[in-house]
Amino acid sequence: MGKILYSKLINLLEERGLTTYQIRKEKIISESTLQNIREGKRITTDSIAALCQALGCQPGDILEYVPDDDE
């Protein structure tokens, strides 16, 4: 199974000037979800929706699926 990369999200956050401090302060997503993003782990669709609402974007703007080499 492939994996989801969050590099597009990180770039968009920087581009829009939204810091992880602001994300936590405004309770957009939790600190544990931010940590999961940093570590490339799973996050919920609710978290994806909250980020999309805060950034005014679609899921494809912040996530990228990368298949394994054997796929």
C-alpha atoms as a PDB file:
ATOM      1  CA  MET A   1       0.000   0.000   0.000  1.00  0.00           C
ATOM      2  CA  GLY A   2       1.225   3.482  -0.823  1.00  0.00           C
ATOM      3  CA  LYS A   3       1.336   6.429   1.516  1.00  0.00           C
ATOM      4  CA  ILE A   4      -0.055   9.924   1.904  1.00  0.00           C
ATOM      5  CA  LEU A   5       2.395  12.822   1.895  1.00  0.00           C
ATOM      6  CA  TYR A   6       1.643  16.146   3.556  1.00  0.00           C
ATOM      7  CA  SER A   7       4.327  18.290   1.907  1.00  0.00           C
ATOM      8  CA  LYS A   8       1.666  20.185  -0.075  1.00  0.00           C
ATOM      9  CA  LEU A   9      -0.042  21.056   3.217  1.00  0.00           C
ATOM     10  CA  ILE A  10       3.191  22.313   4.774  1.00  0.00           C
ATOM     11  CA  ASN A  11       3.887  24.467   1.714  1.00  0.00           C
ATOM     12  CA  LEU A  12       0.354  25.893   1.678  1.00  0.00           C
ATOM     13  CA  LEU A  13       0.529  26.723   5.404  1.00  0.00           C
ATOM     14  CA  GLU A  14       3.756  28.649   4.810  1.00  0.00           C
ATOM     15  CA  GLU A  15       2.324  30.348   1.715  1.00  0.00           C
ATOM     16  CA  ARG A  16      -0.793  31.466   3.603  1.00  0.00           C
ATOM     17  CA  GLY A  17       1.153  32.444   6.724  1.00  0.00           C
ATOM     18  CA  LEU A  18      -0.763  30.054   8.991  1.00  0.00           C
ATOM     19  CA  THR A  19       1.498  28.819  11.778  1.00  0.00           C
ATOM     20  CA  THR A  20       1.132  25.691  13.859  1.00  0.00           C
ATOM     21  CA  TYR A  21       0.693  27.984  16.868  1.00  0.00           C
ATOM     22  CA  GLN A  22      -2.332  29.622  15.218  1.00  0.00           C
ATOM     23  CA  ILE A  23      -3.717  26.210  14.276  1.00  0.00           C
ATOM     24  CA  ARG A  24      -3.528  25.088  17.902  1.00  0.00           C
ATOM     25  CA  LYS A  25      -4.754  28.399  19.314  1.00  0.00           C
ATOM     26  CA  GLU A  26      -7.780  28.515  17.004  1.00  0.00           C
ATOM     27  CA  LYS A  27      -8.384  24.789  17.661  1.00  0.00           C
ATOM     28  CA  ILE A  28      -8.445  23.945  13.956  1.00  0.00           C
ATOM     29  CA  ILE A  29      -6.793  20.576  14.680  1.00  0.00           C
ATOM     30  CA  SER A  30      -5.128  19.104  17.757  1.00  0.00           C
ATOM     31  CA  GLU A  31      -1.444  18.986  18.629  1.00  0.00           C
ATOM     32  CA  SER A  32      -1.489  15.206  18.230  1.00  0.00           C
ATOM     33  CA  THR A  33      -2.865  15.597  14.696  1.00  0.00           C
ATOM     34  CA  LEU A  34      -0.129  18.119  13.907  1.00  0.00           C
ATOM     35  CA  GLN A  35       2.410  15.602  15.194  1.00  0.00           C
ATOM     36  CA  ASN A  36       0.887  12.888  13.006  1.00  0.00           C
ATOM     37  CA  ILE A  37       1.251  15.192  10.003  1.00  0.00           C
ATOM     38  CA  ARG A  38       4.903  15.862  10.851  1.00  0.00           C
ATOM     39  CA  GLU A  39       5.525  12.114  11.141  1.00  0.00           C
ATOM     40  CA  GLY A  40       3.584  11.239   7.979  1.00  0.00           C
ATOM     41  CA  LYS A  41       0.985   9.235   9.904  1.00  0.00           C
ATOM     42  CA  ARG A  42      -2.762   8.983   9.352  1.00  0.00           C
ATOM     43  CA  ILE A  43      -5.156  11.785  10.165  1.00  0.00           C
ATOM     44  CA  THR A  44      -8.948  11.756  10.142  1.00  0.00           C
ATOM     45  CA  THR A  45     -11.176  13.102   7.411  1.00  0.00           C
ATOM     46  CA  ASP A  46     -12.539  15.538  10.016  1.00  0.00           C
ATOM     47  CA  SER A  47      -9.019  16.957  10.394  1.00  0.00           C
ATOM     48  CA  ILE A  48      -8.629  17.181   6.626  1.00  0.00           C
ATOM     49  CA  ALA A  49     -11.968  18.992   6.399  1.00  0.00           C
ATOM     50  CA  ALA A  50     -10.970  21.436   9.167  1.00  0.00           C
ATOM     51  CA  LEU A  51      -7.677  22.219   7.426  1.00  0.00           C
ATOM     52  CA  CYS A  52      -9.426  22.685   4.078  1.00  0.00           C
ATOM     53  CA  GLN A  53     -11.920  25.067   5.681  1.00  0.00           C
ATOM     54  CA  ALA A  54      -9.154  27.077   7.357  1.00  0.00           C
ATOM     55  CA  LEU A  55      -7.091  27.244   4.165  1.00  0.00           C
ATOM     56  CA  GLY A  56      -9.969  27.601   1.700  1.00  0.00           C
ATOM     57  CA  CYS A  57      -8.838  24.631  -0.359  1.00  0.00           C
ATOM     58  CA  GLN A  58      -9.686  21.070  -1.416  1.00  0.00           C
ATOM     59  CA  PRO A  59      -8.106  17.852  -0.040  1.00  0.00           C
ATOM     60  CA  GLY A  60      -6.060  17.388  -3.213  1.00  0.00           C
ATOM     61  CA  ASP A  61      -4.426  20.753  -2.523  1.00  0.00           C
ATOM     62  CA  ILE A  62      -2.931  19.484   0.757  1.00  0.00           C
ATOM     63  CA  LEU A  63      -2.495  15.712   0.294  1.00  0.00           C
ATOM     64  CA  GLU A  64      -0.612  13.572  -2.181  1.00  0.00           C
ATOM     65  CA  TYR A  65      -0.883   9.803  -2.604  1.00  0.00           C
ATOM     66  CA  VAL A  66       2.355   8.063  -3.549  1.00  0.00           C
ATOM     67  CA  PRO A  67       2.130   4.378  -4.509  1.00  0.00           C
ATOM     68  CA  ASP A  68       4.748   1.885  -3.396  1.00  0.00           C
ATOM     69  CA  ASP A  69       7.363   0.955  -5.963  1.00  0.00           C
ATOM     70  CA  ASP A  70       5.796  -2.476  -6.460  1.00  0.00           C
ATOM     71  CA  GLU A  71       2.346  -1.084  -7.348  1.00  0.00           C
END
